[in-house]
């Protein structure tokens, strides 16, 4: 999933939609880039929040509250603090280089090329917003655990039954998509826009908080739930494709005739979030069924994924600037950027991280060659 972040951020540069989330983009655009962005965004970050909830519940069970907080401080809070200080200025420089290439055709830095309003609002969490929100969820989890003995209703039998239904019932994705529909219905095309500021809006906290909570519930019922997901992932996969195609059809109709659809964004949000849940369950079930055995390649990719997540974003921007004037098709430029960024990230991981203190800082240990 971490590696899909490279494809996602490269595709952002080549979107043809007027709803581009970036103010720097390549002259070669394609609907393929829009499709990649919409498809990957549908499940990538939700899966991360589900896994985060799952593992925080596991840490609570194995290490207790203090142990969980200590572990998350070392693996999430400290890396965020250190790498944000390094990557925030580096990302800004990368964007300025890109804008200068786009404007003058040569490398350079000019703050005047930033769009009006952005020069004073450039301090945010950048692509590390995921870690920032996780820290908030961890603190909230700690507060709930601390006061849990006083909240008798959470220990009631019906609450456990409800959590189990959320996790194991085949129709649970329909119910889980409902609150997300309300959080996203006001967003363009029914897709929640990611706010990377240090104060994300409430609907973003609710949206990803539901996935995080579901991950906790998954751990509570994981022996049964994981097996059920492994058995059902093919059905979920077919259902997710059907739902996503219905979303695409409605989205195209909305783009062509934006005034014709009553409550169109509500239906768009419902279909998109139903697709998100079905895709999440598909991916989790598929990995349980097929990738539950360690292999050297998968282990290496997993061990390098945190480093790749941290550094890939400014690399995709600089790579995009390097071939900005290249007139090849957008699909070719996307493939070249993805390949170049991947190789550079892997190369830097191998020689700068894997056997060094950085690996200890991020993953808790060094890895052998």
Protein backbone atom coordinates (compact mmCIF):
# COMPACT_ATOMS: atom_id res chain seq x y z
CA UNK A 1 0.00 0.00 0.00
CA UNK A 2 2.85 2.39 0.78
CA UNK A 3 4.19 1.87 -2.73
CA UNK A 4 0.89 2.91 -4.28
CA UNK A 5 1.60 6.34 -2.81
CA UNK A 6 4.22 6.85 -5.53
CA UNK A 7 1.71 6.02 -8.28
CA UNK A 8 -0.88 8.23 -6.62
CA UNK A 9 1.30 11.32 -6.24
CA UNK A 10 2.79 11.00 -9.72
CA UNK A 11 -0.71 10.65 -11.22
CA UNK A 12 -1.77 13.86 -9.47
CA UNK A 13 0.65 15.76 -11.72
CA UNK A 14 -1.14 14.56 -14.86
CA UNK A 15 -4.82 14.86 -13.93
CA UNK A 16 -7.09 16.31 -16.59
CA UNK A 17 -9.92 17.23 -14.21
CA UNK A 18 -10.53 20.80 -13.13
CA UNK A 19 -10.66 19.44 -9.56
CA UNK A 20 -6.87 19.06 -9.35
CA UNK A 21 -5.73 19.18 -5.72
CA UNK A 22 -2.29 20.56 -6.69
CA UNK A 23 -1.43 23.96 -8.13
CA UNK A 24 1.58 22.54 -10.00
CA UNK A 25 0.92 20.06 -12.78
CA UNK A 26 2.30 18.70 -16.03
CA UNK A 27 1.13 19.97 -19.43
CA UNK A 28 0.55 16.36 -20.53
CA UNK A 29 -2.71 15.28 -18.90
CA UNK A 30 -4.85 12.18 -19.22
CA UNK A 31 -8.10 10.72 -17.95
CA UNK A 32 -6.02 7.67 -17.02
CA UNK A 33 -4.38 9.76 -14.30
CA UNK A 34 -7.81 10.81 -12.98
CA UNK A 35 -8.88 7.16 -12.89
CA UNK A 36 -5.72 6.08 -11.06
CA UNK A 37 -6.10 8.85 -8.48
CA UNK A 38 -9.77 8.08 -7.86
CA UNK A 39 -9.21 4.33 -7.67
CA UNK A 40 -6.15 4.38 -5.39
CA UNK A 41 -7.56 7.10 -3.12
CA UNK A 42 -10.68 5.00 -2.65
CA UNK A 43 -8.97 2.36 -0.52
CA UNK A 44 -5.31 3.20 0.12
CA UNK A 45 -5.60 5.52 3.13
CA UNK A 46 -8.65 3.72 4.58
CA UNK A 47 -6.62 0.48 4.65
CA UNK A 48 -3.82 2.30 6.48
CA UNK A 49 -6.21 3.57 9.14
CA UNK A 50 -7.78 0.12 9.52
CA UNK A 51 -4.34 -1.44 10.03
CA UNK A 52 -3.40 1.33 12.45
CA UNK A 53 -6.48 0.62 14.56
CA UNK A 54 -5.77 -3.11 14.43
CA UNK A 55 -2.18 -2.75 15.60
CA UNK A 56 -2.92 -0.21 18.32
CA UNK A 57 -5.48 -2.66 19.74
CA UNK A 58 -2.85 -5.40 19.57
CA UNK A 59 -0.32 -3.18 21.37
CA UNK A 60 -2.89 -2.37 24.06
CA UNK A 61 -3.54 -6.07 24.56
CA UNK A 62 0.13 -7.07 24.64
CA UNK A 63 1.85 -4.07 26.25
CA UNK A 64 -0.89 -2.17 28.06
CA UNK A 65 -1.69 1.53 27.74
CA UNK A 66 1.74 2.83 28.76
CA UNK A 67 3.51 0.39 26.45
CA UNK A 68 1.26 1.29 23.54
CA UNK A 69 1.86 5.01 23.99
CA UNK A 70 5.61 4.51 24.33
CA UNK A 71 5.73 2.41 21.17
CA UNK A 72 3.63 4.85 19.14
CA UNK A 73 5.72 7.77 20.40
CA UNK A 74 8.89 6.10 19.14
CA UNK A 75 7.49 4.85 15.81
CA UNK A 76 5.06 7.63 14.86
CA UNK A 77 5.49 10.85 16.86
CA UNK A 78 9.29 11.08 16.77
CA UNK A 79 9.63 10.18 13.06
CA UNK A 80 6.93 12.74 12.27
CA UNK A 81 8.71 15.48 14.20
CA UNK A 82 12.14 14.76 12.73
CA UNK A 83 11.11 14.16 9.13
CA UNK A 84 8.61 16.99 9.05
CA UNK A 85 11.41 19.40 9.95
CA UNK A 86 13.48 17.95 7.11
CA UNK A 87 10.81 17.35 4.49
CA UNK A 88 8.64 20.46 4.83
CA UNK A 89 11.35 22.84 3.50
CA UNK A 90 12.56 20.20 1.03
CA UNK A 91 9.04 19.79 -0.36
CA UNK A 92 8.64 23.56 -0.68
CA UNK A 93 11.95 23.80 -2.56
CA UNK A 94 10.84 20.94 -4.84
CA UNK A 95 7.59 22.74 -5.64
CA UNK A 96 9.45 26.00 -6.36
CA UNK A 97 11.84 24.16 -8.68
CA UNK A 98 8.87 22.64 -10.49
CA UNK A 99 7.15 26.01 -10.86
CA UNK A 100 10.34 27.61 -12.16
CA UNK A 101 10.80 24.89 -14.79
CA UNK A 102 7.16 25.31 -15.82
CA UNK A 103 7.45 29.10 -16.03
CA UNK A 104 10.96 29.73 -17.38
CA UNK A 105 12.07 26.34 -18.67
CA UNK A 106 15.11 26.22 -16.42
CA UNK A 107 16.01 25.32 -12.86
CA UNK A 108 15.60 28.04 -10.28
CA UNK A 109 13.69 29.26 -7.25
CA UNK A 110 11.32 32.21 -7.18
CA UNK A 111 8.83 32.65 -4.36
CA UNK A 112 6.89 35.00 -6.60
CA UNK A 113 5.73 32.01 -8.66
CA UNK A 114 3.65 30.68 -5.79
CA UNK A 115 -0.08 31.32 -6.32
CA UNK A 116 -1.55 34.15 -4.29
CA UNK A 117 -2.47 33.04 -0.79
CA UNK A 118 -0.17 30.01 -0.71
CA UNK A 119 3.01 31.84 0.24
CA UNK A 120 1.58 32.58 3.70
CA UNK A 121 -0.15 29.21 4.13
CA UNK A 122 2.63 26.85 3.09
CA UNK A 123 3.23 25.41 6.56
CA UNK A 124 1.22 22.23 6.87
CA UNK A 125 1.76 18.54 7.53
CA UNK A 126 2.52 17.89 3.80
CA UNK A 127 2.06 14.20 2.94
CA UNK A 128 2.74 13.29 6.58
CA UNK A 129 -0.85 14.23 7.51
CA UNK A 130 -1.54 10.52 8.06
CA UNK A 131 0.98 10.35 10.91
CA UNK A 132 -0.36 13.60 12.36
CA UNK A 133 -3.92 12.27 12.46
CA UNK A 134 -2.76 8.96 13.90
CA UNK A 135 -1.25 10.79 16.86
CA UNK A 136 -4.63 12.38 17.52
CA UNK A 137 -6.37 9.01 17.32
CA UNK A 138 -3.82 7.43 19.67
CA UNK A 139 -4.38 10.14 22.28
CA UNK A 140 -8.14 9.75 21.95
CA UNK A 141 -7.78 5.97 22.28
CA UNK A 142 -5.70 6.45 25.45
CA UNK A 143 -8.39 8.72 26.94
CA UNK A 144 -11.14 6.19 26.19
CA UNK A 145 -9.11 3.30 27.64
CA UNK A 146 -8.39 5.37 30.76
CA UNK A 147 -12.06 6.09 31.46
CA UNK A 148 -13.38 2.78 30.10
CA UNK A 149 -14.14 1.28 33.55
CA UNK A 150 -16.55 4.17 34.17
CA UNK A 151 -18.34 3.65 30.86
CA UNK A 152 -20.43 0.60 31.66
CA UNK A 153 -22.38 0.77 28.41
CA UNK A 154 -19.21 0.02 26.43
CA UNK A 155 -18.86 -3.23 28.34
CA UNK A 156 -22.47 -4.26 27.77
CA UNK A 157 -23.18 -7.42 25.80
CA UNK A 158 -25.04 -5.54 23.07
CA UNK A 159 -21.95 -3.43 22.35
CA UNK A 160 -19.83 -6.52 21.73
CA UNK A 161 -22.57 -7.93 19.51
CA UNK A 162 -22.68 -4.70 17.50
CA UNK A 163 -18.89 -4.66 17.03
CA UNK A 164 -19.01 -8.26 15.87
CA UNK A 165 -21.78 -7.44 13.39
CA UNK A 166 -19.72 -4.54 12.01
CA UNK A 167 -16.81 -6.88 11.37
CA UNK A 168 -18.24 -10.24 10.30
CA UNK A 169 -21.65 -9.56 8.74
CA UNK A 170 -21.51 -9.66 4.91
CA UNK A 171 -23.76 -6.57 4.68
CA UNK A 172 -21.67 -4.51 7.11
CA UNK A 173 -20.10 -2.41 4.29
CA UNK A 174 -23.55 -1.02 3.48
CA UNK A 175 -24.04 0.20 7.04
CA UNK A 176 -20.47 1.47 7.36
CA UNK A 177 -20.79 3.54 4.17
CA UNK A 178 -23.73 5.54 5.55
CA UNK A 179 -21.86 7.86 7.97
CA UNK A 180 -19.12 8.38 5.37
CA UNK A 181 -21.76 9.48 2.89
CA UNK A 182 -22.73 12.30 5.24
CA UNK A 183 -19.12 13.37 5.86
CA UNK A 184 -18.33 13.44 2.12
CA UNK A 185 -21.57 14.52 0.44
CA UNK A 186 -20.56 18.19 0.39
CA UNK A 187 -17.22 17.43 -1.32
CA UNK A 188 -16.75 17.70 -5.10
CA UNK A 189 -17.76 14.44 -6.80
CA UNK A 190 -18.53 12.95 -3.38
CA UNK A 191 -14.84 12.41 -2.53
CA UNK A 192 -13.47 13.81 0.71
CA UNK A 193 -10.71 16.32 -0.01
CA UNK A 194 -7.68 15.66 2.16
CA UNK A 195 -6.83 18.64 4.34
CA UNK A 196 -3.12 18.58 5.22
CA UNK A 197 -3.23 21.43 7.72
CA UNK A 198 -2.42 20.96 11.39
CA UNK A 199 -6.12 21.46 12.11
CA UNK A 200 -8.06 19.12 9.78
CA UNK A 201 -11.84 19.66 9.64
CA UNK A 202 -14.15 17.54 11.77
CA UNK A 203 -15.53 15.57 8.83
CA UNK A 204 -12.02 14.34 8.02
CA UNK A 205 -11.54 13.13 11.61
CA UNK A 206 -14.90 11.35 11.52
CA UNK A 207 -14.25 9.85 8.08
CA UNK A 208 -10.92 8.23 8.90
CA UNK A 209 -11.85 7.65 12.53
CA UNK A 210 -14.51 5.17 11.42
CA UNK A 211 -11.90 3.13 9.56
CA UNK A 212 -9.58 3.34 12.58
CA UNK A 213 -12.34 2.15 14.93
CA UNK A 214 -13.19 -0.68 12.57
CA UNK A 215 -9.55 -1.77 12.72
CA UNK A 216 -9.82 -1.96 16.53
CA UNK A 217 -13.01 -4.02 16.22
CA UNK A 218 -11.24 -6.26 13.70
CA UNK A 219 -8.56 -7.08 16.27
CA UNK A 220 -11.17 -7.87 18.92
CA UNK A 221 -12.77 -10.44 16.61
CA UNK A 222 -9.76 -11.18 14.41
CA UNK A 223 -9.52 -14.99 14.60
CA UNK A 224 -12.98 -15.35 13.12
CA UNK A 225 -13.06 -12.13 11.10
CA UNK A 226 -9.79 -12.64 9.22
CA UNK A 227 -10.81 -16.10 8.11
CA UNK A 228 -14.17 -14.81 6.92
CA UNK A 229 -12.48 -12.02 4.96
CA UNK A 230 -10.14 -14.54 3.35
CA UNK A 231 -13.16 -16.61 2.32
CA UNK A 232 -15.20 -13.66 1.03
CA UNK A 233 -12.64 -11.45 -0.71
CA UNK A 234 -13.58 -12.67 -4.22
CA UNK A 235 -17.21 -11.69 -3.66
CA UNK A 236 -16.16 -8.37 -2.19
CA UNK A 237 -13.85 -7.79 -5.17
CA UNK A 238 -16.66 -8.30 -7.71
CA UNK A 239 -19.00 -6.10 -5.68
CA UNK A 240 -16.34 -3.38 -5.38
CA UNK A 241 -15.77 -3.30 -9.14
CA UNK A 242 -19.49 -3.08 -9.83
CA UNK A 243 -19.95 -0.31 -7.28
CA UNK A 244 -16.91 1.62 -8.53
CA UNK A 245 -18.13 1.37 -12.13
CA UNK A 246 -21.52 2.69 -11.06
CA UNK A 247 -19.72 5.57 -9.37
CA UNK A 248 -17.73 6.30 -12.54
CA UNK A 249 -20.90 6.26 -14.64
CA UNK A 250 -22.67 8.70 -12.34
CA UNK A 251 -19.55 10.87 -12.05
CA UNK A 252 -19.24 11.16 -15.84
CA UNK A 253 -22.93 12.03 -16.11
CA UNK A 254 -22.50 14.67 -13.40
CA UNK A 255 -19.50 16.20 -15.19
CA UNK A 256 -21.38 16.35 -18.49
CA UNK A 257 -24.56 17.78 -16.98
CA UNK A 258 -23.77 19.19 -13.53
CA UNK A 259 -27.21 20.73 -13.05
CA UNK A 260 -29.23 17.68 -14.05
CA UNK A 261 -28.74 15.42 -11.04
CA UNK A 262 -30.71 15.96 -7.84
CA UNK A 263 -28.64 15.06 -4.78
CA UNK A 264 -25.97 13.73 -7.16
CA UNK A 265 -23.08 14.28 -4.76
CA UNK A 266 -24.93 12.30 -2.07
CA UNK A 267 -25.24 9.32 -4.40
CA UNK A 268 -21.66 9.78 -5.54
CA UNK A 269 -20.43 9.79 -1.95
CA UNK A 270 -22.53 6.71 -1.12
CA UNK A 271 -21.20 4.71 -4.07
CA UNK A 272 -17.61 5.84 -3.58
CA UNK A 273 -17.55 4.98 0.11
CA UNK A 274 -19.29 1.66 -0.41
CA UNK A 275 -16.58 0.91 -2.97
CA UNK A 276 -13.98 1.97 -0.41
CA UNK A 277 -15.21 -0.51 2.19
CA UNK A 278 -15.54 -3.33 -0.32
CA UNK A 279 -12.04 -2.67 -1.66
CA UNK A 280 -10.58 -2.54 1.85
CA UNK A 281 -12.13 -5.89 2.71
CA UNK A 282 -10.95 -7.27 -0.63
CA UNK A 283 -7.34 -6.24 -0.05
CA UNK A 284 -7.23 -7.46 3.54
CA UNK A 285 -8.83 -10.79 2.64
CA UNK A 286 -6.57 -11.24 -0.39
CA UNK A 287 -3.40 -10.60 1.60
CA UNK A 288 -4.51 -13.01 4.32
CA UNK A 289 -5.21 -15.68 1.73
CA UNK A 290 -2.17 -15.28 -0.52
CA UNK A 291 0.53 -13.20 1.17
CA UNK A 292 0.53 -14.56 4.71
CA UNK A 293 3.87 -16.28 4.12
CA UNK A 294 7.08 -14.30 4.24
CA UNK A 295 9.22 -14.15 1.12
CA UNK A 296 12.53 -12.28 0.71
CA UNK A 297 11.05 -9.81 -1.79
CA UNK A 298 7.89 -9.04 0.18
CA UNK A 299 9.88 -8.77 3.41
CA UNK A 300 12.31 -6.32 1.81
CA UNK A 301 9.50 -4.18 0.39
CA UNK A 302 7.72 -4.16 3.76
CA UNK A 303 10.88 -3.19 5.61
CA UNK A 304 11.59 -0.32 3.22
CA UNK A 305 8.00 0.94 3.00
CA UNK A 306 8.18 3.40 5.91
CA UNK A 307 11.24 5.10 4.45
CA UNK A 308 9.64 5.18 1.00
CA UNK A 309 6.49 6.72 2.43
CA UNK A 310 8.48 9.46 4.14
CA UNK A 311 10.69 10.58 1.24
CA UNK A 312 8.83 9.77 -1.98
CA UNK A 313 6.66 12.89 -2.32
CA UNK A 314 9.36 15.53 -2.97
CA UNK A 315 11.15 12.99 -5.19
CA UNK A 316 8.07 12.65 -7.44
CA UNK A 317 7.93 16.46 -7.74
CA UNK A 318 11.60 16.84 -8.73
CA UNK A 319 11.32 13.93 -11.18
CA UNK A 320 8.24 15.56 -12.68
CA UNK A 321 10.14 18.83 -13.06
CA UNK A 322 13.05 17.04 -14.75
CA UNK A 323 10.89 15.83 -17.64
CA UNK A 324 8.34 18.68 -17.61
CA UNK A 325 9.22 19.73 -21.19
CA UNK A 326 9.11 16.17 -22.50
CA UNK A 327 6.13 15.85 -24.86
CA UNK A 328 5.55 12.13 -24.40
CA UNK A 329 2.06 10.87 -23.52
CA UNK A 330 0.99 11.31 -19.91
CA UNK A 331 0.85 7.55 -19.38
CA UNK A 332 4.50 7.20 -20.43
CA UNK A 333 5.60 10.07 -18.20
CA UNK A 334 3.71 8.57 -15.27
CA UNK A 335 5.42 5.19 -15.80
CA UNK A 336 8.88 6.79 -16.07
CA UNK A 337 8.40 8.92 -12.95
CA UNK A 338 7.06 5.97 -10.94
CA UNK A 339 9.98 3.77 -12.01
CA UNK A 340 12.62 6.45 -11.38
CA UNK A 341 11.19 7.41 -7.98
CA UNK A 342 10.90 3.77 -6.94
CA UNK A 343 14.50 3.01 -7.91
CA UNK A 344 15.83 6.11 -6.17
CA UNK A 345 13.86 5.35 -3.00
CA UNK A 346 15.07 1.74 -2.97
CA UNK A 347 18.65 2.79 -3.69
CA UNK A 348 18.61 5.32 -0.84
CA UNK A 349 17.04 2.77 1.49
CA UNK A 350 19.69 0.16 0.68
CA UNK A 351 22.71 2.41 1.18
CA UNK A 352 21.47 5.03 3.64
CA UNK A 353 18.90 3.31 5.86
CA UNK A 354 18.79 -0.48 5.98
CA UNK A 355 21.94 -1.09 8.06
CA UNK A 356 22.05 2.28 9.82
CA UNK A 357 20.65 4.08 12.85
CA UNK A 358 17.85 5.41 10.62
CA UNK A 359 16.41 1.90 10.37
CA UNK A 360 16.58 1.59 14.16
CA UNK A 361 14.83 4.95 14.47
CA UNK A 362 12.02 4.02 12.07
CA UNK A 363 11.62 0.26 12.49
CA UNK A 364 13.28 -0.49 15.79
CA UNK A 365 16.17 -2.49 14.35
CA UNK A 366 18.72 -2.83 11.58
CA UNK A 367 18.30 -5.40 8.82
CA UNK A 368 20.95 -7.71 7.41
CA UNK A 369 21.96 -7.47 3.76
